[in-house]
Amino acid sequence: MSKHGAPTDTAAALAQLDGAGLKVAILAASWHEQVMNGLIDGAQRAAADAKIGTVDLVRVPGSFELPVAAKALAEKYDAVIALGVVIRGGTPHFDYVCQAATMGLTQVSLDTLTPIGFGVLTCDDEAQALDRAGLEGSAEDKGYEAFSAAVLTLAALA
């Protein structure tokens, strides 16, 4: 399971932050509404734990569109949290979208020096996505984790 080795003190680290002056964008794809709602809720819980002053939600059609939107947002926000889900199908489409989203978001972060929280789930099936979405009964909360990673990276760079 991917949760193995995850830090256990993330909520405590966020609680130590004074995020009142920070502007953070949660950027979310629209496919797989139930999973996306869980990821967004997790990111918003992390924002509350970090006491972030401004948190705006921006929606795009899918995970492929995350990098271009993240680039535009990175110029206006201290951090961007990119949330999406891609579920494997019977064609190579899964591989192309996952690679494009991953490489694109990485490039945005490097080009802008803006932390980008990577909350794009790449799953074999819907059950795996639901188990990572931070919903009641989910084993993981990747929205919370992605938000935490970006904001704690921002704090480390300050």
N, C-alpha and C. Protein backbone atom coordinates (compact mmCIF):
# COMPACT_ATOMS: atom_id res chain seq x y z
N MET A 1 0.84 -1.18 0.00
CA MET A 1 0.00 0.00 0.00
C MET A 1 0.88 1.24 0.00
N SER A 2 0.45 2.26 -0.72
CA SER A 2 1.25 3.46 -0.88
C SER A 2 1.40 4.27 0.41
N LYS A 3 0.56 4.04 1.40
CA LYS A 3 0.63 4.80 2.65
C LYS A 3 1.86 4.41 3.48
N HIS A 4 2.43 3.26 3.19
CA HIS A 4 3.59 2.79 3.94
C HIS A 4 4.72 3.82 3.89
N GLY A 5 5.21 4.22 5.06
CA GLY A 5 6.31 5.16 5.14
C GLY A 5 5.90 6.62 5.16
N ALA A 6 4.61 6.91 5.08
CA ALA A 6 4.14 8.30 5.07
C ALA A 6 4.43 8.96 6.41
N PRO A 7 4.72 10.27 6.40
CA PRO A 7 4.96 10.97 7.66
C PRO A 7 3.71 10.94 8.54
N THR A 8 3.92 10.84 9.83
CA THR A 8 2.79 10.74 10.75
C THR A 8 2.47 12.06 11.45
N ASP A 9 3.30 13.07 11.29
CA ASP A 9 3.13 14.32 12.03
C ASP A 9 2.70 15.49 11.15
N THR A 10 2.10 15.22 10.02
CA THR A 10 1.74 16.28 9.09
C THR A 10 0.75 17.27 9.69
N ALA A 11 -0.29 16.79 10.34
CA ALA A 11 -1.28 17.69 10.92
C ALA A 11 -0.64 18.58 11.98
N ALA A 12 0.25 18.03 12.78
CA ALA A 12 0.94 18.84 13.79
C ALA A 12 1.83 19.90 13.14
N ALA A 13 2.51 19.53 12.06
CA ALA A 13 3.36 20.48 11.35
C ALA A 13 2.51 21.61 10.76
N LEU A 14 1.36 21.29 10.20
CA LEU A 14 0.48 22.33 9.65
C LEU A 14 -0.03 23.24 10.74
N ALA A 15 -0.35 22.69 11.90
CA ALA A 15 -0.87 23.48 13.01
C ALA A 15 0.15 24.50 13.51
N GLN A 16 1.43 24.23 13.28
CA GLN A 16 2.49 25.15 13.71
C GLN A 16 2.66 26.34 12.76
N LEU A 17 2.09 26.24 11.57
CA LEU A 17 2.23 27.31 10.58
C LEU A 17 1.31 28.47 10.88
N ASP A 18 1.73 29.65 10.46
CA ASP A 18 0.86 30.81 10.46
C ASP A 18 0.63 31.17 9.01
N GLY A 19 -0.39 30.58 8.42
CA GLY A 19 -0.64 30.76 7.01
C GLY A 19 -1.58 31.91 6.68
N ALA A 20 -1.81 32.80 7.64
CA ALA A 20 -2.78 33.87 7.45
C ALA A 20 -2.48 34.74 6.23
N GLY A 21 -1.22 34.97 5.93
CA GLY A 21 -0.87 35.84 4.81
C GLY A 21 -0.67 35.11 3.49
N LEU A 22 -0.90 33.82 3.46
CA LEU A 22 -0.65 33.04 2.25
C LEU A 22 -1.88 32.95 1.35
N LYS A 23 -1.61 32.89 0.05
CA LYS A 23 -2.66 32.66 -0.95
C LYS A 23 -2.37 31.33 -1.62
N VAL A 24 -3.33 30.41 -1.54
CA VAL A 24 -3.15 29.08 -2.12
C VAL A 24 -4.35 28.78 -3.01
N ALA A 25 -4.07 28.18 -4.16
CA ALA A 25 -5.14 27.75 -5.07
C ALA A 25 -5.25 26.23 -5.03
N ILE A 26 -6.47 25.76 -4.91
CA ILE A 26 -6.76 24.34 -5.09
C ILE A 26 -7.29 24.22 -6.52
N LEU A 27 -6.56 23.50 -7.33
CA LEU A 27 -6.88 23.31 -8.74
C LEU A 27 -7.36 21.88 -8.92
N ALA A 28 -8.60 21.71 -9.36
CA ALA A 28 -9.18 20.37 -9.39
C ALA A 28 -9.81 20.04 -10.74
N ALA A 29 -9.53 18.84 -11.20
CA ALA A 29 -10.17 18.31 -12.40
C ALA A 29 -11.63 17.97 -12.07
N SER A 30 -12.40 17.71 -13.10
CA SER A 30 -13.83 17.47 -12.91
C SER A 30 -14.26 16.01 -13.06
N TRP A 31 -13.46 15.16 -13.67
CA TRP A 31 -13.84 13.76 -13.86
C TRP A 31 -13.92 13.04 -12.51
N HIS A 32 -14.80 12.08 -12.39
CA HIS A 32 -14.97 11.23 -11.19
C HIS A 32 -15.35 12.09 -9.98
N GLU A 33 -16.56 12.62 -10.04
CA GLU A 33 -17.04 13.61 -9.08
C GLU A 33 -16.89 13.19 -7.62
N GLN A 34 -17.25 11.96 -7.27
CA GLN A 34 -17.16 11.53 -5.87
C GLN A 34 -15.72 11.55 -5.38
N VAL A 35 -14.80 11.06 -6.18
CA VAL A 35 -13.38 11.06 -5.81
C VAL A 35 -12.89 12.50 -5.69
N MET A 36 -13.24 13.33 -6.67
CA MET A 36 -12.77 14.72 -6.66
C MET A 36 -13.31 15.47 -5.45
N ASN A 37 -14.56 15.24 -5.10
CA ASN A 37 -15.12 15.91 -3.92
C ASN A 37 -14.35 15.53 -2.66
N GLY A 38 -13.96 14.27 -2.56
CA GLY A 38 -13.17 13.85 -1.41
C GLY A 38 -11.79 14.51 -1.39
N LEU A 39 -11.14 14.57 -2.54
CA LEU A 39 -9.82 15.21 -2.62
C LEU A 39 -9.90 16.69 -2.27
N ILE A 40 -10.90 17.37 -2.80
CA ILE A 40 -11.07 18.80 -2.50
C ILE A 40 -11.34 19.00 -1.01
N ASP A 41 -12.21 18.19 -0.43
CA ASP A 41 -12.50 18.31 1.00
C ASP A 41 -11.24 18.10 1.83
N GLY A 42 -10.41 17.14 1.46
CA GLY A 42 -9.17 16.90 2.18
C GLY A 42 -8.24 18.09 2.10
N ALA A 43 -8.11 18.68 0.91
CA ALA A 43 -7.26 19.86 0.74
C ALA A 43 -7.79 21.02 1.57
N GLN A 44 -9.10 21.18 1.59
CA GLN A 44 -9.68 22.27 2.38
C GLN A 44 -9.50 22.06 3.88
N ARG A 45 -9.53 20.81 4.33
CA ARG A 45 -9.25 20.52 5.75
C ARG A 45 -7.81 20.89 6.09
N ALA A 46 -6.89 20.57 5.20
CA ALA A 46 -5.49 20.91 5.43
C ALA A 46 -5.31 22.43 5.46
N ALA A 47 -6.01 23.13 4.58
CA ALA A 47 -5.93 24.59 4.58
C ALA A 47 -6.41 25.17 5.90
N ALA A 48 -7.47 24.61 6.44
CA ALA A 48 -7.98 25.07 7.73
C ALA A 48 -6.97 24.77 8.84
N ASP A 49 -6.35 23.59 8.80
CA ASP A 49 -5.35 23.23 9.82
C ASP A 49 -4.15 24.17 9.77
N ALA A 50 -3.80 24.64 8.57
CA ALA A 50 -2.64 25.53 8.41
C ALA A 50 -3.02 27.01 8.55
N LYS A 51 -4.30 27.27 8.77
CA LYS A 51 -4.80 28.63 8.94
C LYS A 51 -4.44 29.52 7.74
N ILE A 52 -4.64 29.00 6.54
CA ILE A 52 -4.32 29.73 5.32
C ILE A 52 -5.33 30.86 5.13
N GLY A 53 -4.84 32.05 4.81
CA GLY A 53 -5.69 33.22 4.67
C GLY A 53 -6.60 33.17 3.46
N THR A 54 -6.06 32.87 2.30
CA THR A 54 -6.84 32.83 1.07
C THR A 54 -6.69 31.48 0.40
N VAL A 55 -7.81 30.80 0.19
CA VAL A 55 -7.83 29.53 -0.52
C VAL A 55 -8.92 29.62 -1.57
N ASP A 56 -8.52 29.56 -2.83
CA ASP A 56 -9.47 29.63 -3.93
C ASP A 56 -9.52 28.29 -4.64
N LEU A 57 -10.71 27.89 -5.05
CA LEU A 57 -10.92 26.66 -5.80
C LEU A 57 -11.12 27.00 -7.27
N VAL A 58 -10.33 26.36 -8.13
CA VAL A 58 -10.43 26.53 -9.57
C VAL A 58 -10.64 25.15 -10.18
N ARG A 59 -11.62 25.02 -11.06
CA ARG A 59 -11.92 23.73 -11.69
C ARG A 59 -11.53 23.77 -13.17
N VAL A 60 -11.00 22.65 -13.65
CA VAL A 60 -10.70 22.44 -15.07
C VAL A 60 -11.36 21.14 -15.49
N PRO A 61 -11.49 20.90 -16.81
CA PRO A 61 -12.18 19.70 -17.25
C PRO A 61 -11.55 18.39 -16.77
N GLY A 62 -10.25 18.22 -16.94
CA GLY A 62 -9.63 16.95 -16.60
C GLY A 62 -8.20 17.11 -16.14
N SER A 63 -7.54 15.99 -15.87
CA SER A 63 -6.16 16.02 -15.37
C SER A 63 -5.17 16.52 -16.41
N PHE A 64 -5.46 16.31 -17.68
CA PHE A 64 -4.58 16.79 -18.74
C PHE A 64 -4.47 18.31 -18.72
N GLU A 65 -5.52 18.99 -18.29
CA GLU A 65 -5.55 20.45 -18.27
C GLU A 65 -4.91 21.05 -17.02
N LEU A 66 -4.54 20.24 -16.07
CA LEU A 66 -3.96 20.77 -14.82
C LEU A 66 -2.68 21.58 -15.03
N PRO A 67 -1.71 21.13 -15.84
CA PRO A 67 -0.46 21.90 -15.96
C PRO A 67 -0.63 23.32 -16.47
N VAL A 68 -1.42 23.53 -17.51
CA VAL A 68 -1.56 24.88 -18.05
C VAL A 68 -2.26 25.79 -17.04
N ALA A 69 -3.26 25.27 -16.36
CA ALA A 69 -3.93 26.07 -15.34
C ALA A 69 -3.00 26.33 -14.15
N ALA A 70 -2.22 25.33 -13.77
CA ALA A 70 -1.27 25.51 -12.66
C ALA A 70 -0.25 26.59 -12.99
N LYS A 71 0.20 26.63 -14.23
CA LYS A 71 1.17 27.66 -14.65
C LYS A 71 0.57 29.05 -14.46
N ALA A 72 -0.66 29.25 -14.90
CA ALA A 72 -1.30 30.56 -14.75
C ALA A 72 -1.50 30.90 -13.27
N LEU A 73 -1.92 29.93 -12.48
CA LEU A 73 -2.16 30.18 -11.06
C LEU A 73 -0.88 30.40 -10.28
N ALA A 74 0.20 29.73 -10.67
CA ALA A 74 1.47 29.84 -9.95
C ALA A 74 2.00 31.27 -9.98
N GLU A 75 1.57 32.04 -10.95
CA GLU A 75 2.01 33.43 -11.04
C GLU A 75 1.23 34.34 -10.09
N LYS A 76 0.14 33.84 -9.50
CA LYS A 76 -0.72 34.65 -8.64
C LYS A 76 -0.81 34.15 -7.20
N TYR A 77 -0.38 32.90 -6.98
CA TYR A 77 -0.54 32.26 -5.67
C TYR A 77 0.80 31.79 -5.12
N ASP A 78 0.88 31.64 -3.80
CA ASP A 78 2.11 31.16 -3.15
C ASP A 78 2.31 29.67 -3.37
N ALA A 79 1.23 28.93 -3.53
CA ALA A 79 1.29 27.49 -3.79
C ALA A 79 0.02 27.09 -4.54
N VAL A 80 0.13 26.00 -5.30
CA VAL A 80 -1.01 25.48 -6.05
C VAL A 80 -1.12 23.99 -5.72
N ILE A 81 -2.34 23.55 -5.44
CA ILE A 81 -2.58 22.14 -5.16
C ILE A 81 -3.34 21.57 -6.35
N ALA A 82 -2.70 20.67 -7.08
CA ALA A 82 -3.30 20.08 -8.28
C ALA A 82 -3.92 18.73 -7.93
N LEU A 83 -5.22 18.63 -8.14
CA LEU A 83 -5.96 17.42 -7.80
C LEU A 83 -6.64 16.85 -9.04
N GLY A 84 -6.50 15.55 -9.22
CA GLY A 84 -7.14 14.89 -10.34
C GLY A 84 -7.13 13.39 -10.13
N VAL A 85 -7.77 12.69 -11.04
CA VAL A 85 -7.76 11.23 -10.98
C VAL A 85 -7.81 10.70 -12.41
N VAL A 86 -6.95 9.72 -12.67
CA VAL A 86 -6.93 9.04 -13.96
C VAL A 86 -7.02 7.55 -13.66
N ILE A 87 -8.02 6.91 -14.24
CA ILE A 87 -8.24 5.49 -13.99
C ILE A 87 -7.92 4.71 -15.26
N ARG A 88 -7.10 3.69 -15.09
CA ARG A 88 -6.62 2.89 -16.23
C ARG A 88 -7.80 2.30 -17.00
N GLY A 89 -7.69 2.34 -18.28
CA GLY A 89 -8.68 1.73 -19.16
C GLY A 89 -7.98 0.73 -20.06
N GLY A 90 -8.57 0.44 -21.18
CA GLY A 90 -8.02 -0.56 -22.07
C GLY A 90 -7.15 -0.01 -23.18
N THR A 91 -6.84 1.28 -23.13
CA THR A 91 -6.01 1.90 -24.17
C THR A 91 -4.82 2.61 -23.52
N PRO A 92 -3.85 3.03 -24.30
CA PRO A 92 -2.69 3.76 -23.75
C PRO A 92 -3.02 5.17 -23.26
N HIS A 93 -4.26 5.61 -23.42
CA HIS A 93 -4.66 6.95 -22.99
C HIS A 93 -4.23 7.23 -21.55
N PHE A 94 -4.41 6.26 -20.68
CA PHE A 94 -4.02 6.38 -19.27
C PHE A 94 -2.56 6.81 -19.15
N ASP A 95 -1.68 6.12 -19.86
CA ASP A 95 -0.25 6.41 -19.78
C ASP A 95 0.05 7.83 -20.25
N TYR A 96 -0.57 8.24 -21.35
CA TYR A 96 -0.31 9.57 -21.90
C TYR A 96 -0.78 10.68 -20.96
N VAL A 97 -1.97 10.52 -20.41
CA VAL A 97 -2.50 11.56 -19.52
C VAL A 97 -1.69 11.62 -18.23
N CYS A 98 -1.36 10.47 -17.66
CA CYS A 98 -0.57 10.45 -16.43
C CYS A 98 0.80 11.10 -16.64
N GLN A 99 1.45 10.74 -17.73
CA GLN A 99 2.77 11.31 -18.01
C GLN A 99 2.68 12.82 -18.26
N ALA A 100 1.69 13.24 -19.03
CA ALA A 100 1.54 14.67 -19.32
C ALA A 100 1.28 15.47 -18.04
N ALA A 101 0.40 14.97 -17.19
CA ALA A 101 0.08 15.68 -15.95
C ALA A 101 1.30 15.74 -15.04
N THR A 102 1.97 14.63 -14.88
CA THR A 102 3.13 14.57 -13.98
C THR A 102 4.27 15.47 -14.47
N MET A 103 4.62 15.31 -15.72
CA MET A 103 5.72 16.10 -16.26
C MET A 103 5.36 17.59 -16.34
N GLY A 104 4.12 17.87 -16.72
CA GLY A 104 3.69 19.26 -16.81
C GLY A 104 3.70 19.96 -15.48
N LEU A 105 3.16 19.31 -14.45
CA LEU A 105 3.14 19.93 -13.12
C LEU A 105 4.54 20.09 -12.54
N THR A 106 5.40 19.12 -12.80
CA THR A 106 6.79 19.24 -12.36
C THR A 106 7.46 20.44 -13.02
N GLN A 107 7.25 20.58 -14.32
CA GLN A 107 7.86 21.70 -15.05
C GLN A 107 7.35 23.04 -14.55
N VAL A 108 6.07 23.13 -14.26
CA VAL A 108 5.51 24.37 -13.72
C VAL A 108 6.20 24.73 -12.41
N SER A 109 6.34 23.77 -11.53
CA SER A 109 6.97 24.03 -10.25
C SER A 109 8.41 24.51 -10.42
N LEU A 110 9.15 23.85 -11.29
CA LEU A 110 10.54 24.24 -11.51
C LEU A 110 10.66 25.60 -12.19
N ASP A 111 9.81 25.87 -13.17
CA ASP A 111 9.87 27.14 -13.90
C ASP A 111 9.47 28.32 -13.04
N THR A 112 8.51 28.12 -12.14
CA THR A 112 7.98 29.24 -11.37
C THR A 112 8.52 29.29 -9.94
N LEU A 113 9.19 28.24 -9.51
CA LEU A 113 9.64 28.08 -8.12
C LEU A 113 8.47 28.19 -7.14
N THR A 114 7.32 27.72 -7.60
CA THR A 114 6.12 27.69 -6.78
C THR A 114 5.83 26.24 -6.41
N PRO A 115 5.67 25.94 -5.13
CA PRO A 115 5.32 24.57 -4.76
C PRO A 115 3.98 24.16 -5.36
N ILE A 116 3.97 23.00 -5.98
CA ILE A 116 2.77 22.43 -6.56
C ILE A 116 2.49 21.12 -5.81
N GLY A 117 1.37 21.07 -5.13
CA GLY A 117 0.98 19.84 -4.45
C GLY A 117 0.46 18.85 -5.48
N PHE A 118 1.06 17.67 -5.54
CA PHE A 118 0.68 16.68 -6.54
C PHE A 118 -0.35 15.73 -5.96
N GLY A 119 -1.59 15.98 -6.27
CA GLY A 119 -2.68 15.15 -5.80
C GLY A 119 -3.43 14.51 -6.96
N VAL A 120 -2.68 14.03 -7.94
CA VAL A 120 -3.28 13.36 -9.08
C VAL A 120 -3.21 11.85 -8.83
N LEU A 121 -4.36 11.25 -8.63
CA LEU A 121 -4.42 9.81 -8.40
C LEU A 121 -4.31 9.09 -9.74
N THR A 122 -3.45 8.11 -9.80
CA THR A 122 -3.29 7.28 -11.00
C THR A 122 -3.57 5.84 -10.58
N CYS A 123 -4.78 5.40 -10.84
CA CYS A 123 -5.26 4.14 -10.27
C CYS A 123 -5.67 3.14 -11.34
N ASP A 124 -5.62 1.87 -10.96
CA ASP A 124 -6.04 0.81 -11.85
C ASP A 124 -7.56 0.71 -11.96
N ASP A 125 -8.26 1.11 -10.89
CA ASP A 125 -9.72 1.01 -10.90
C ASP A 125 -10.32 2.04 -9.95
N GLU A 126 -11.63 2.18 -10.03
CA GLU A 126 -12.30 3.18 -9.21
C GLU A 126 -12.18 2.88 -7.72
N ALA A 127 -12.15 1.62 -7.34
CA ALA A 127 -12.04 1.27 -5.92
C ALA A 127 -10.73 1.82 -5.33
N GLN A 128 -9.64 1.74 -6.08
CA GLN A 128 -8.37 2.30 -5.61
C GLN A 128 -8.48 3.81 -5.43
N ALA A 129 -9.13 4.48 -6.36
CA ALA A 129 -9.30 5.93 -6.27
C ALA A 129 -10.13 6.31 -5.04
N LEU A 130 -11.21 5.60 -4.83
CA LEU A 130 -12.06 5.88 -3.67
C LEU A 130 -11.31 5.65 -2.37
N ASP A 131 -10.44 4.67 -2.34
CA ASP A 131 -9.67 4.35 -1.14
C ASP A 131 -8.62 5.42 -0.82
N ARG A 132 -8.30 6.26 -1.78
CA ARG A 132 -7.29 7.31 -1.59
C ARG A 132 -7.89 8.72 -1.51
N ALA A 133 -9.21 8.81 -1.65
CA ALA A 133 -9.88 10.10 -1.80
C ALA A 133 -10.21 10.80 -0.49
N GLY A 134 -9.94 10.20 0.64
CA GLY A 134 -10.24 10.85 1.92
C GLY A 134 -11.70 10.81 2.29
N LEU A 135 -12.44 9.94 1.68
CA LEU A 135 -13.85 9.78 2.00
C LEU A 135 -14.01 8.93 3.25
N GLU A 136 -15.19 8.92 3.83
CA GLU A 136 -15.43 8.05 4.98
C GLU A 136 -15.13 6.61 4.56
N GLY A 137 -14.27 5.94 5.31
CA GLY A 137 -13.86 4.58 5.01
C GLY A 137 -12.63 4.47 4.11
N SER A 138 -12.14 5.60 3.57
CA SER A 138 -10.93 5.56 2.75
C SER A 138 -9.71 5.31 3.62
N ALA A 139 -8.74 4.61 3.09
CA ALA A 139 -7.49 4.36 3.81
C ALA A 139 -6.57 5.57 3.79
N GLU A 140 -6.71 6.41 2.77
CA GLU A 140 -5.80 7.55 2.62
C GLU A 140 -6.58 8.81 2.27
N ASP A 141 -5.93 9.95 2.47
CA ASP A 141 -6.51 11.26 2.17
C ASP A 141 -5.50 12.05 1.35
N LYS A 142 -5.45 11.74 0.06
CA LYS A 142 -4.43 12.34 -0.80
C LYS A 142 -4.64 13.83 -1.04
N GLY A 143 -5.85 14.33 -0.91
CA GLY A 143 -6.08 15.78 -1.00
C GLY A 143 -5.39 16.50 0.15
N TYR A 144 -5.56 15.96 1.35
CA TYR A 144 -4.91 16.54 2.53
C TYR A 144 -3.38 16.45 2.38
N GLU A 145 -2.91 15.30 1.92
CA GLU A 145 -1.47 15.10 1.77
C GLU A 145 -0.87 16.04 0.73
N ALA A 146 -1.54 16.23 -0.40
CA ALA A 146 -1.03 17.10 -1.45
C ALA A 146 -0.96 18.55 -0.97
N PHE A 147 -2.01 18.99 -0.27
CA PHE A 147 -2.00 20.34 0.27
C PHE A 147 -0.87 20.51 1.27
N SER A 148 -0.75 19.55 2.16
CA SER A 148 0.30 19.61 3.19
C SER A 148 1.69 19.66 2.57
N ALA A 149 1.92 18.84 1.56
CA ALA A 149 3.25 18.80 0.93
C ALA A 149 3.61 20.15 0.34
N ALA A 150 2.68 20.77 -0.35
CA ALA A 150 2.98 22.07 -0.98
C ALA A 150 3.23 23.15 0.06
N VAL A 151 2.35 23.22 1.06
CA VAL A 151 2.46 24.30 2.04
C VAL A 151 3.68 24.10 2.95
N LEU A 152 3.98 22.86 3.31
CA LEU A 152 5.18 22.62 4.12
C LEU A 152 6.46 22.86 3.31
N THR A 153 6.41 22.60 2.01
CA THR A 153 7.55 22.95 1.15
C THR A 153 7.71 24.46 1.07
N LEU A 154 6.62 25.16 0.94
CA LEU A 154 6.64 26.63 0.93
C LEU A 154 7.28 27.15 2.21
N ALA A 155 6.90 26.58 3.35
CA ALA A 155 7.49 27.00 4.64
C ALA A 155 8.98 26.69 4.71
N ALA A 156 9.38 25.54 4.15
CA ALA A 156 10.80 25.16 4.17
C ALA A 156 11.64 26.09 3.30
N LEU A 157 11.06 26.63 2.26
CA LEU A 157 11.78 27.52 1.35
C LEU A 157 11.83 28.97 1.83
N ALA A 158 11.00 29.31 2.82
CA ALA A 158 10.94 30.68 3.29
C ALA A 158 12.18 31.09 4.05
